[in-house]
Amino acid sequence: MYQIIAVISLGLAIFGVITPGFPATEFVLLCAWSSAKGSPKIHTFLHTNRLTGPVLYNWKHGKVISFNNKIISSISMLLCVVFLLYSELNEHLVILALFGICISFILVWSRPSRINIDEEL
């Protein structure tokens, strides 16, 4: 079961990287968690990969989101807001999506941007 979750979440993370507004980081974290329990091969790949390794290291050591990742996430969220406002979706869906984006924005920017070295020692 953990292997299935790892593979699906990795696929969704890859999809999230190329699709504005679709989360990637959350799926990378889910993949790391599930692969730690069920797929050592995927787990090793995630932690040694140049794209996901630093993100996982930062998250493991203080739930840190780097400043660059915060900027990229914010730009992606802003693009989603623009698309939503110019879409012809139901008003209620747009409001619900905007609410979710606002919560995500607050959560991303509430996390520290650097690992506190004093806590590491």
C-alpha atoms as a PDB file:
ATOM      1  CA  MET A   1       0.000   0.000   0.000  1.00  0.00           C
ATOM      2  CA  TYR A   2       2.817   2.416   0.878  1.00  0.00           C
ATOM      3  CA  GLN A   3       4.499   1.725  -2.470  1.00  0.00           C
ATOM      4  CA  ILE A   4       1.285   2.547  -4.321  1.00  0.00           C
ATOM      5  CA  ILE A   5       0.904   5.797  -2.377  1.00  0.00           C
ATOM      6  CA  ALA A   6       4.563   6.650  -3.084  1.00  0.00           C
ATOM      7  CA  VAL A   7       4.260   6.079  -6.830  1.00  0.00           C
ATOM      8  CA  ILE A   8       0.960   7.958  -7.157  1.00  0.00           C
ATOM      9  CA  SER A   9       2.160  10.899  -5.065  1.00  0.00           C
ATOM     10  CA  LEU A  10       5.424  11.060  -7.036  1.00  0.00           C
ATOM     11  CA  GLY A  11       3.425  11.178 -10.270  1.00  0.00           C
ATOM     12  CA  LEU A  12       1.207  13.925  -8.862  1.00  0.00           C
ATOM     13  CA  ALA A  13       4.298  15.854  -7.713  1.00  0.00           C
ATOM     14  CA  ILE A  14       5.749  15.711 -11.229  1.00  0.00           C
ATOM     15  CA  PHE A  15       2.392  16.861 -12.608  1.00  0.00           C
ATOM     16  CA  GLY A  16       2.413  19.691 -10.035  1.00  0.00           C
ATOM     17  CA  VAL A  17       5.807  20.919 -11.205  1.00  0.00           C
ATOM     18  CA  ILE A  18       4.551  21.469 -14.743  1.00  0.00           C
ATOM     19  CA  THR A  19       1.014  22.638 -13.900  1.00  0.00           C
ATOM     20  CA  PRO A  20       0.542  26.093 -12.370  1.00  0.00           C
ATOM     21  CA  GLY A  21      -1.622  25.987  -9.275  1.00  0.00           C
ATOM     22  CA  PHE A  22      -1.311  22.256  -8.708  1.00  0.00           C
ATOM     23  CA  PRO A  23       0.773  21.543  -5.586  1.00  0.00           C
ATOM     24  CA  ALA A  24       4.029  19.673  -5.918  1.00  0.00           C
ATOM     25  CA  THR A  25       5.724  20.030  -2.540  1.00  0.00           C
ATOM     26  CA  GLU A  26       2.896  18.392  -0.618  1.00  0.00           C
ATOM     27  CA  PHE A  27       3.032  15.371  -2.900  1.00  0.00           C
ATOM     28  CA  VAL A  28       6.830  15.154  -2.585  1.00  0.00           C
ATOM     29  CA  LEU A  29       6.420  15.111   1.210  1.00  0.00           C
ATOM     30  CA  LEU A  30       3.697  12.455   0.976  1.00  0.00           C
ATOM     31  CA  CYS A  31       5.897  10.406  -1.340  1.00  0.00           C
ATOM     32  CA  ALA A  32       8.846  10.705   1.066  1.00  0.00           C
ATOM     33  CA  TRP A  33       6.722   9.578   4.003  1.00  0.00           C
ATOM     34  CA  SER A  34       5.157   6.632   2.205  1.00  0.00           C
ATOM     35  CA  SER A  35       8.388   5.539   0.510  1.00  0.00           C
ATOM     36  CA  ALA A  36      10.165   5.540   3.879  1.00  0.00           C
ATOM     37  CA  LYS A  37       7.691   2.874   4.949  1.00  0.00           C
ATOM     38  CA  GLY A  38       7.365   0.904   1.733  1.00  0.00           C
ATOM     39  CA  SER A  39       9.932   1.667  -0.949  1.00  0.00           C
ATOM     40  CA  PRO A  40      13.566   2.241   0.013  1.00  0.00           C
ATOM     41  CA  LYS A  41      14.468   2.709  -3.666  1.00  0.00           C
ATOM     42  CA  ILE A  42      12.088   5.672  -4.139  1.00  0.00           C
ATOM     43  CA  HIS A  43      13.028   7.039  -0.708  1.00  0.00           C
ATOM     44  CA  THR A  44      16.740   7.042  -1.611  1.00  0.00           C
ATOM     45  CA  PHE A  45      15.961   8.601  -5.002  1.00  0.00           C
ATOM     46  CA  LEU A  46      14.010  11.451  -3.387  1.00  0.00           C
ATOM     47  CA  HIS A  47      16.680  12.222  -0.804  1.00  0.00           C
ATOM     48  CA  THR A  48      19.574  12.129  -3.276  1.00  0.00           C
ATOM     49  CA  ASN A  49      17.819  13.979  -6.102  1.00  0.00           C
ATOM     50  CA  ARG A  50      19.111  17.535  -6.617  1.00  0.00           C
ATOM     51  CA  LEU A  51      15.572  18.943  -6.807  1.00  0.00           C
ATOM     52  CA  THR A  52      13.796  17.117  -3.996  1.00  0.00           C
ATOM     53  CA  GLY A  53      16.737  16.356  -1.668  1.00  0.00           C
ATOM     54  CA  PRO A  54      17.224  19.896  -0.331  1.00  0.00           C
ATOM     55  CA  VAL A  55      13.471  20.415   0.104  1.00  0.00           C
ATOM     56  CA  LEU A  56      13.149  17.201   2.127  1.00  0.00           C
ATOM     57  CA  TYR A  57      16.240  18.008   4.177  1.00  0.00           C
ATOM     58  CA  ASN A  58      14.878  21.458   5.031  1.00  0.00           C
ATOM     59  CA  TRP A  59      11.456  20.058   5.931  1.00  0.00           C
ATOM     60  CA  LYS A  60      12.965  17.348   8.129  1.00  0.00           C
ATOM     61  CA  HIS A  61      15.140  19.886   9.961  1.00  0.00           C
ATOM     62  CA  GLY A  62      12.562  22.390  11.131  1.00  0.00           C
ATOM     63  CA  LYS A  63       9.763  22.348   8.545  1.00  0.00           C
ATOM     64  CA  VAL A  64      11.688  25.002   6.615  1.00  0.00           C
ATOM     65  CA  ILE A  65      10.581  26.344   3.227  1.00  0.00           C
ATOM     66  CA  SER A  66      13.389  28.212   1.479  1.00  0.00           C
ATOM     67  CA  PHE A  67      12.847  31.811   0.442  1.00  0.00           C
ATOM     68  CA  ASN A  68      13.221  30.873  -3.245  1.00  0.00           C
ATOM     69  CA  ASN A  69      10.535  28.196  -2.902  1.00  0.00           C
ATOM     70  CA  LYS A  70       8.270  30.704  -1.172  1.00  0.00           C
ATOM     71  CA  ILE A  71       8.681  33.115  -4.099  1.00  0.00           C
ATOM     72  CA  ILE A  72       8.012  30.387  -6.673  1.00  0.00           C
ATOM     73  CA  SER A  73       4.955  29.217  -4.737  1.00  0.00           C
ATOM     74  CA  SER A  74       3.646  32.762  -4.440  1.00  0.00           C
ATOM     75  CA  ILE A  75       4.044  33.399  -8.167  1.00  0.00           C
ATOM     76  CA  SER A  76       2.261  30.138  -8.925  1.00  0.00           C
ATOM     77  CA  MET A  77      -0.568  31.071  -6.567  1.00  0.00           C
ATOM     78  CA  LEU A  78      -0.823  34.529  -8.134  1.00  0.00           C
ATOM     79  CA  LEU A  79      -1.100  32.971 -11.606  1.00  0.00           C
ATOM     80  CA  CYS A  80      -3.889  30.741 -10.309  1.00  0.00           C
ATOM     81  CA  VAL A  81      -5.721  33.738  -8.893  1.00  0.00           C
ATOM     82  CA  VAL A  82      -5.504  35.504 -12.255  1.00  0.00           C
ATOM     83  CA  PHE A  83      -6.749  32.406 -14.097  1.00  0.00           C
ATOM     84  CA  LEU A  84      -9.579  31.967 -11.615  1.00  0.00           C
ATOM     85  CA  LEU A  85     -10.697  35.585 -11.838  1.00  0.00           C
ATOM     86  CA  TYR A  86     -10.807  35.464 -15.632  1.00  0.00           C
ATOM     87  CA  SER A  87     -12.398  32.023 -15.803  1.00  0.00           C
ATOM     88  CA  GLU A  88     -16.070  31.437 -16.221  1.00  0.00           C
ATOM     89  CA  LEU A  89     -16.329  29.049 -13.316  1.00  0.00           C
ATOM     90  CA  ASN A  90     -19.149  29.138 -10.811  1.00  0.00           C
ATOM     91  CA  GLU A  91     -18.646  32.013  -8.345  1.00  0.00           C
ATOM     92  CA  HIS A  92     -18.832  29.655  -5.385  1.00  0.00           C
ATOM     93  CA  LEU A  93     -16.047  27.466  -6.765  1.00  0.00           C
ATOM     94  CA  VAL A  94     -13.871  30.498  -7.436  1.00  0.00           C
ATOM     95  CA  ILE A  95     -14.421  31.795  -3.891  1.00  0.00           C
ATOM     96  CA  LEU A  96     -13.632  28.365  -2.435  1.00  0.00           C
ATOM     97  CA  ALA A  97     -10.456  28.110  -4.539  1.00  0.00           C
ATOM     98  CA  LEU A  98      -9.383  31.639  -3.574  1.00  0.00           C
ATOM     99  CA  PHE A  99      -9.930  30.773   0.078  1.00  0.00           C
ATOM    100  CA  GLY A 100      -7.710  27.699  -0.306  1.00  0.00           C
ATOM    101  CA  ILE A 101      -5.025  29.737  -2.047  1.00  0.00           C
ATOM    102  CA  CYS A 102      -5.097  32.320   0.761  1.00  0.00           C
ATOM    103  CA  ILE A 103      -4.695  29.605   3.406  1.00  0.00           C
ATOM    104  CA  SER A 104      -1.803  28.067   1.438  1.00  0.00           C
ATOM    105  CA  PHE A 105      -0.145  31.466   1.057  1.00  0.00           C
ATOM    106  CA  ILE A 106      -0.344  32.089   4.803  1.00  0.00           C
ATOM    107  CA  LEU A 107       0.989  28.626   5.643  1.00  0.00           C
ATOM    108  CA  VAL A 108       3.911  28.911   3.206  1.00  0.00           C
ATOM    109  CA  TRP A 109       4.983  32.320   4.496  1.00  0.00           C
ATOM    110  CA  SER A 110       4.527  31.336   8.160  1.00  0.00           C
ATOM    111  CA  ARG A 111       7.262  28.684   7.870  1.00  0.00           C
ATOM    112  CA  PRO A 112      10.883  29.640   8.569  1.00  0.00           C
ATOM    113  CA  SER A 113      13.132  30.277   5.556  1.00  0.00           C
ATOM    114  CA  ARG A 114      16.341  28.915   7.047  1.00  0.00           C
ATOM    115  CA  ILE A 115      17.363  26.098   9.328  1.00  0.00           C
ATOM    116  CA  ASN A 116      18.183  27.410  12.787  1.00  0.00           C
ATOM    117  CA  ILE A 117      21.780  26.274  13.320  1.00  0.00           C
ATOM    118  CA  ASP A 118      21.468  26.539  17.116  1.00  0.00           C
ATOM    119  CA  GLU A 119      18.780  23.823  17.061  1.00  0.00           C
ATOM    120  CA  GLU A 120      21.000  21.605  14.901  1.00  0.00           C
ATOM    121  CA  LEU A 121      23.797  21.635  17.475  1.00  0.00           C
END
